[in-house]
């Protein structure tokens, strides 16, 4: 393989320049996202992208739940990069778009994130800021008027987050059959 690649948990070579749908495996996504911390790890306890996505999948109408569950799936292959850092890495966005496109093709998801999934992501962000010990004296204007989830977010172990993510995926894909 001439292009840069990573080896996934399942042993697949994932091409970062030209990702192929057959290189994308849901178990790899669940496993990696369960071990990928949100907020670059700057929370009171480890809080995974898998848990974030799992909760987000309940913040949307049922027909958007799979999209919400998978909205950060690219991070299984290219890491969760905080938004302020992404702004400093223009080439990263092009890489992210290639991986997202391959994932959307693989799982039959829309290429553009639905507005209700974007809103669910903001609900989760506001709730995570509230519950995970994120202290910032500066206001976050994008969260003005955004509601919170009606529960307290308690970080899960990677194993539990992976199990719940996979269970939710199976549940949602079984509904589509």
C-alpha atoms as a PDB file:
ATOM      1  CA  UNK A   1       0.000   0.000   0.000  1.00  0.00           C
ATOM      2  CA  UNK A   2       1.629   3.266  -1.148  1.00  0.00           C
ATOM      3  CA  UNK A   3      -0.708   5.729   0.539  1.00  0.00           C
ATOM      4  CA  UNK A   4      -0.558   6.498   4.246  1.00  0.00           C
ATOM      5  CA  UNK A   5      -2.674   4.056   6.195  1.00  0.00           C
ATOM      6  CA  UNK A   6      -3.471   2.911   9.706  1.00  0.00           C
ATOM      7  CA  UNK A   7      -4.127  -0.610  10.927  1.00  0.00           C
ATOM      8  CA  UNK A   8      -7.492  -0.870  12.645  1.00  0.00           C
ATOM      9  CA  UNK A   9      -8.488  -3.005  15.624  1.00  0.00           C
ATOM     10  CA  UNK A  10      -9.843  -5.676  13.267  1.00  0.00           C
ATOM     11  CA  UNK A  11      -6.556  -5.720  11.362  1.00  0.00           C
ATOM     12  CA  UNK A  12      -7.709  -3.856   8.262  1.00  0.00           C
ATOM     13  CA  UNK A  13      -5.385  -1.412   6.510  1.00  0.00           C
ATOM     14  CA  UNK A  14      -7.362   1.840   6.344  1.00  0.00           C
ATOM     15  CA  UNK A  15      -6.160   4.096   3.526  1.00  0.00           C
ATOM     16  CA  UNK A  16      -6.203   7.694   4.767  1.00  0.00           C
ATOM     17  CA  UNK A  17      -5.939   9.273   1.300  1.00  0.00           C
ATOM     18  CA  UNK A  18      -8.407   7.050  -0.558  1.00  0.00           C
ATOM     19  CA  UNK A  19     -10.596   5.361   2.051  1.00  0.00           C
ATOM     20  CA  UNK A  20     -12.651   2.501   0.665  1.00  0.00           C
ATOM     21  CA  UNK A  21     -16.007   1.397   2.020  1.00  0.00           C
ATOM     22  CA  UNK A  22     -14.795  -2.194   2.495  1.00  0.00           C
ATOM     23  CA  UNK A  23     -12.095  -0.911   4.884  1.00  0.00           C
ATOM     24  CA  UNK A  24     -14.793   0.503   7.176  1.00  0.00           C
ATOM     25  CA  UNK A  25     -16.026  -1.890   9.859  1.00  0.00           C
ATOM     26  CA  UNK A  26     -18.589  -0.929  12.503  1.00  0.00           C
ATOM     27  CA  UNK A  27     -16.750  -2.883  15.203  1.00  0.00           C
ATOM     28  CA  UNK A  28     -13.595  -0.834  14.497  1.00  0.00           C
ATOM     29  CA  UNK A  29     -15.601   2.363  14.794  1.00  0.00           C
ATOM     30  CA  UNK A  30     -17.229   1.335  18.079  1.00  0.00           C
ATOM     31  CA  UNK A  31     -13.936   0.120  19.542  1.00  0.00           C
ATOM     32  CA  UNK A  32     -11.917   3.203  18.580  1.00  0.00           C
ATOM     33  CA  UNK A  33     -14.592   5.768  19.509  1.00  0.00           C
ATOM     34  CA  UNK A  34     -14.996   4.131  22.924  1.00  0.00           C
ATOM     35  CA  UNK A  35     -11.312   4.817  23.542  1.00  0.00           C
ATOM     36  CA  UNK A  36     -11.237   8.312  22.035  1.00  0.00           C
ATOM     37  CA  UNK A  37     -11.759  11.052  24.618  1.00  0.00           C
ATOM     38  CA  UNK A  38     -13.842  14.134  23.935  1.00  0.00           C
ATOM     39  CA  UNK A  39     -12.384  17.555  24.745  1.00  0.00           C
ATOM     40  CA  UNK A  40      -8.852  16.258  24.198  1.00  0.00           C
ATOM     41  CA  UNK A  41      -9.201  14.464  27.532  1.00  0.00           C
ATOM     42  CA  UNK A  42      -9.736  17.684  29.504  1.00  0.00           C
ATOM     43  CA  UNK A  43     -12.703  16.456  31.527  1.00  0.00           C
ATOM     44  CA  UNK A  44     -13.039  15.336  35.144  1.00  0.00           C
ATOM     45  CA  UNK A  45     -13.079  11.701  33.962  1.00  0.00           C
ATOM     46  CA  UNK A  46     -12.470  10.013  30.627  1.00  0.00           C
ATOM     47  CA  UNK A  47     -15.510  10.610  28.424  1.00  0.00           C
ATOM     48  CA  UNK A  48     -15.574   8.918  25.059  1.00  0.00           C
ATOM     49  CA  UNK A  49     -16.774   9.935  21.643  1.00  0.00           C
ATOM     50  CA  UNK A  50     -18.748   6.661  21.558  1.00  0.00           C
ATOM     51  CA  UNK A  51     -20.714   7.690  24.651  1.00  0.00           C
ATOM     52  CA  UNK A  52     -21.297  11.163  23.171  1.00  0.00           C
ATOM     53  CA  UNK A  53     -22.645   9.640  19.946  1.00  0.00           C
ATOM     54  CA  UNK A  54     -24.745   7.079  21.801  1.00  0.00           C
ATOM     55  CA  UNK A  55     -26.474   9.834  23.804  1.00  0.00           C
ATOM     56  CA  UNK A  56     -26.852  12.051  20.709  1.00  0.00           C
ATOM     57  CA  UNK A  57     -28.739   9.239  18.962  1.00  0.00           C
ATOM     58  CA  UNK A  58     -31.568   9.669  21.499  1.00  0.00           C
ATOM     59  CA  UNK A  59     -31.743  13.470  21.020  1.00  0.00           C
ATOM     60  CA  UNK A  60     -33.166  13.275  17.488  1.00  0.00           C
ATOM     61  CA  UNK A  61     -36.317  11.898  15.870  1.00  0.00           C
ATOM     62  CA  UNK A  62     -35.993   8.121  15.328  1.00  0.00           C
ATOM     63  CA  UNK A  63     -35.405   8.435  11.594  1.00  0.00           C
ATOM     64  CA  UNK A  64     -32.204  10.433  12.309  1.00  0.00           C
ATOM     65  CA  UNK A  65     -30.889   8.234  15.143  1.00  0.00           C
ATOM     66  CA  UNK A  66     -28.420   6.249  13.030  1.00  0.00           C
ATOM     67  CA  UNK A  67     -27.034   9.437  11.529  1.00  0.00           C
ATOM     68  CA  UNK A  68     -26.621  10.897  15.024  1.00  0.00           C
ATOM     69  CA  UNK A  69     -24.955   7.708  16.290  1.00  0.00           C
ATOM     70  CA  UNK A  70     -22.484   7.823  13.389  1.00  0.00           C
ATOM     71  CA  UNK A  71     -21.959  11.599  13.180  1.00  0.00           C
ATOM     72  CA  UNK A  72     -18.412  11.420  14.587  1.00  0.00           C
ATOM     73  CA  UNK A  73     -17.482   8.017  13.117  1.00  0.00           C
ATOM     74  CA  UNK A  74     -14.588   9.507  11.121  1.00  0.00           C
ATOM     75  CA  UNK A  75     -12.843  10.144  14.429  1.00  0.00           C
ATOM     76  CA  UNK A  76     -12.356   6.382  14.746  1.00  0.00           C
ATOM     77  CA  UNK A  77      -9.836   6.690  11.927  1.00  0.00           C
ATOM     78  CA  UNK A  78      -8.453  10.237  12.237  1.00  0.00           C
ATOM     79  CA  UNK A  79      -8.906  11.107  15.947  1.00  0.00           C
ATOM     80  CA  UNK A  80     -11.081  13.688  17.660  1.00  0.00           C
ATOM     81  CA  UNK A  81      -9.421  17.016  17.033  1.00  0.00           C
ATOM     82  CA  UNK A  82     -10.925  19.902  19.063  1.00  0.00           C
ATOM     83  CA  UNK A  83     -12.485  22.581  16.851  1.00  0.00           C
ATOM     84  CA  UNK A  84      -9.977  25.333  17.796  1.00  0.00           C
ATOM     85  CA  UNK A  85      -7.131  23.067  16.666  1.00  0.00           C
ATOM     86  CA  UNK A  86      -8.940  22.094  13.444  1.00  0.00           C
ATOM     87  CA  UNK A  87      -8.964  25.770  12.484  1.00  0.00           C
ATOM     88  CA  UNK A  88      -5.154  25.674  12.526  1.00  0.00           C
ATOM     89  CA  UNK A  89      -4.961  22.543  10.363  1.00  0.00           C
ATOM     90  CA  UNK A  90      -6.488  23.287   6.941  1.00  0.00           C
ATOM     91  CA  UNK A  91      -5.364  19.961   5.458  1.00  0.00           C
ATOM     92  CA  UNK A  92      -7.103  18.081   8.259  1.00  0.00           C
ATOM     93  CA  UNK A  93     -10.553  19.193   7.052  1.00  0.00           C
ATOM     94  CA  UNK A  94      -9.914  17.724   3.586  1.00  0.00           C
ATOM     95  CA  UNK A  95      -8.833  14.437   5.182  1.00  0.00           C
ATOM     96  CA  UNK A  96     -11.881  14.475   7.443  1.00  0.00           C
ATOM     97  CA  UNK A  97     -14.199  15.039   4.477  1.00  0.00           C
ATOM     98  CA  UNK A  98     -12.736  12.080   2.551  1.00  0.00           C
ATOM     99  CA  UNK A  99     -13.179   9.759   5.518  1.00  0.00           C
ATOM    100  CA  UNK A 100     -16.683  11.069   6.260  1.00  0.00           C
ATOM    101  CA  UNK A 101     -17.699  10.558   2.626  1.00  0.00           C
ATOM    102  CA  UNK A 102     -16.516   6.925   2.679  1.00  0.00           C
ATOM    103  CA  UNK A 103     -18.371   6.295   5.957  1.00  0.00           C
ATOM    104  CA  UNK A 104     -21.555   7.895   4.632  1.00  0.00           C
ATOM    105  CA  UNK A 105     -21.345   5.746   1.509  1.00  0.00           C
ATOM    106  CA  UNK A 106     -20.700   2.592   3.557  1.00  0.00           C
ATOM    107  CA  UNK A 107     -23.665   3.136   5.899  1.00  0.00           C
ATOM    108  CA  UNK A 108     -26.058   4.893   3.520  1.00  0.00           C
ATOM    109  CA  UNK A 109     -25.964   8.178   5.422  1.00  0.00           C
ATOM    110  CA  UNK A 110     -26.442  11.661   3.952  1.00  0.00           C
ATOM    111  CA  UNK A 111     -23.232  13.479   3.017  1.00  0.00           C
ATOM    112  CA  UNK A 112     -24.380  16.659   4.744  1.00  0.00           C
ATOM    113  CA  UNK A 113     -25.252  16.417   8.425  1.00  0.00           C
ATOM    114  CA  UNK A 114     -28.966  16.930   9.024  1.00  0.00           C
ATOM    115  CA  UNK A 115     -29.912  20.046  10.975  1.00  0.00           C
ATOM    116  CA  UNK A 116     -31.478  18.031  13.802  1.00  0.00           C
ATOM    117  CA  UNK A 117     -28.230  16.054  14.219  1.00  0.00           C
ATOM    118  CA  UNK A 118     -26.246  19.301  14.358  1.00  0.00           C
ATOM    119  CA  UNK A 119     -28.685  20.535  17.009  1.00  0.00           C
ATOM    120  CA  UNK A 120     -28.373  17.270  18.980  1.00  0.00           C
ATOM    121  CA  UNK A 121     -24.594  17.718  18.879  1.00  0.00           C
ATOM    122  CA  UNK A 122     -25.049  21.171  20.452  1.00  0.00           C
ATOM    123  CA  UNK A 123     -27.404  19.756  23.104  1.00  0.00           C
ATOM    124  CA  UNK A 124     -24.745  17.216  23.955  1.00  0.00           C
ATOM    125  CA  UNK A 125     -22.020  19.884  24.000  1.00  0.00           C
ATOM    126  CA  UNK A 126     -24.021  22.053  26.394  1.00  0.00           C
ATOM    127  CA  UNK A 127     -24.785  19.066  28.611  1.00  0.00           C
ATOM    128  CA  UNK A 128     -21.186  17.851  28.560  1.00  0.00           C
ATOM    129  CA  UNK A 129     -19.954  21.320  29.505  1.00  0.00           C
ATOM    130  CA  UNK A 130     -22.425  21.301  32.414  1.00  0.00           C
ATOM    131  CA  UNK A 131     -21.639  17.789  33.677  1.00  0.00           C
ATOM    132  CA  UNK A 132     -18.018  17.007  32.868  1.00  0.00           C
ATOM    133  CA  UNK A 133     -16.152  19.714  34.756  1.00  0.00           C
ATOM    134  CA  UNK A 134     -15.419  21.967  31.787  1.00  0.00           C
ATOM    135  CA  UNK A 135     -14.750  25.366  33.308  1.00  0.00           C
ATOM    136  CA  UNK A 136     -14.368  28.340  30.994  1.00  0.00           C
ATOM    137  CA  UNK A 137     -14.878  31.915  32.101  1.00  0.00           C
ATOM    138  CA  UNK A 138     -15.516  32.905  28.491  1.00  0.00           C
ATOM    139  CA  UNK A 139     -19.048  32.528  27.127  1.00  0.00           C
ATOM    140  CA  UNK A 140     -19.766  29.938  24.446  1.00  0.00           C
ATOM    141  CA  UNK A 141     -22.188  31.898  22.205  1.00  0.00           C
ATOM    142  CA  UNK A 142     -23.041  28.849  20.079  1.00  0.00           C
ATOM    143  CA  UNK A 143     -24.712  27.367  23.183  1.00  0.00           C
ATOM    144  CA  UNK A 144     -27.024  30.343  23.830  1.00  0.00           C
ATOM    145  CA  UNK A 145     -30.559  28.987  24.161  1.00  0.00           C
ATOM    146  CA  UNK A 146     -29.472  25.365  23.719  1.00  0.00           C
ATOM    147  CA  UNK A 147     -31.246  23.015  26.169  1.00  0.00           C
ATOM    148  CA  UNK A 148     -29.599  20.279  28.199  1.00  0.00           C
ATOM    149  CA  UNK A 149     -30.351  16.567  28.222  1.00  0.00           C
ATOM    150  CA  UNK A 150     -32.653  15.631  31.108  1.00  0.00           C
ATOM    151  CA  UNK A 151     -30.072  13.453  32.846  1.00  0.00           C
ATOM    152  CA  UNK A 152     -26.589  13.938  34.260  1.00  0.00           C
ATOM    153  CA  UNK A 153     -23.862  12.611  32.014  1.00  0.00           C
ATOM    154  CA  UNK A 154     -21.737  10.108  33.909  1.00  0.00           C
ATOM    155  CA  UNK A 155     -18.667   8.890  31.996  1.00  0.00           C
ATOM    156  CA  UNK A 156     -18.693   5.166  31.198  1.00  0.00           C
ATOM    157  CA  UNK A 157     -15.791   2.798  30.832  1.00  0.00           C
ATOM    158  CA  UNK A 158     -14.580   2.201  27.303  1.00  0.00           C
ATOM    159  CA  UNK A 159     -15.975  -1.319  27.405  1.00  0.00           C
ATOM    160  CA  UNK A 160     -19.465  -0.153  28.392  1.00  0.00           C
ATOM    161  CA  UNK A 161     -19.447   2.668  25.823  1.00  0.00           C
ATOM    162  CA  UNK A 162     -18.396   0.248  23.073  1.00  0.00           C
ATOM    163  CA  UNK A 163     -21.078  -2.256  24.092  1.00  0.00           C
ATOM    164  CA  UNK A 164     -23.835   0.396  24.147  1.00  0.00           C
ATOM    165  CA  UNK A 165     -22.677   1.940  20.859  1.00  0.00           C
ATOM    166  CA  UNK A 166     -22.721  -1.462  19.142  1.00  0.00           C
ATOM    167  CA  UNK A 167     -26.075  -2.347  20.699  1.00  0.00           C
ATOM    168  CA  UNK A 168     -27.586   0.913  19.485  1.00  0.00           C
ATOM    169  CA  UNK A 169     -26.162   0.346  16.013  1.00  0.00           C
ATOM    170  CA  UNK A 170     -27.683  -3.146  15.844  1.00  0.00           C
ATOM    171  CA  UNK A 171     -31.014  -1.846  17.141  1.00  0.00           C
ATOM    172  CA  UNK A 172     -31.136   0.966  14.567  1.00  0.00           C
ATOM    173  CA  UNK A 173     -30.021  -1.120  11.605  1.00  0.00           C
ATOM    174  CA  UNK A 174     -32.471  -3.899  12.489  1.00  0.00           C
ATOM    175  CA  UNK A 175     -35.254  -1.316  12.304  1.00  0.00           C
ATOM    176  CA  UNK A 176     -34.224  -0.514   8.734  1.00  0.00           C
ATOM    177  CA  UNK A 177     -34.553  -4.110   7.521  1.00  0.00           C
END
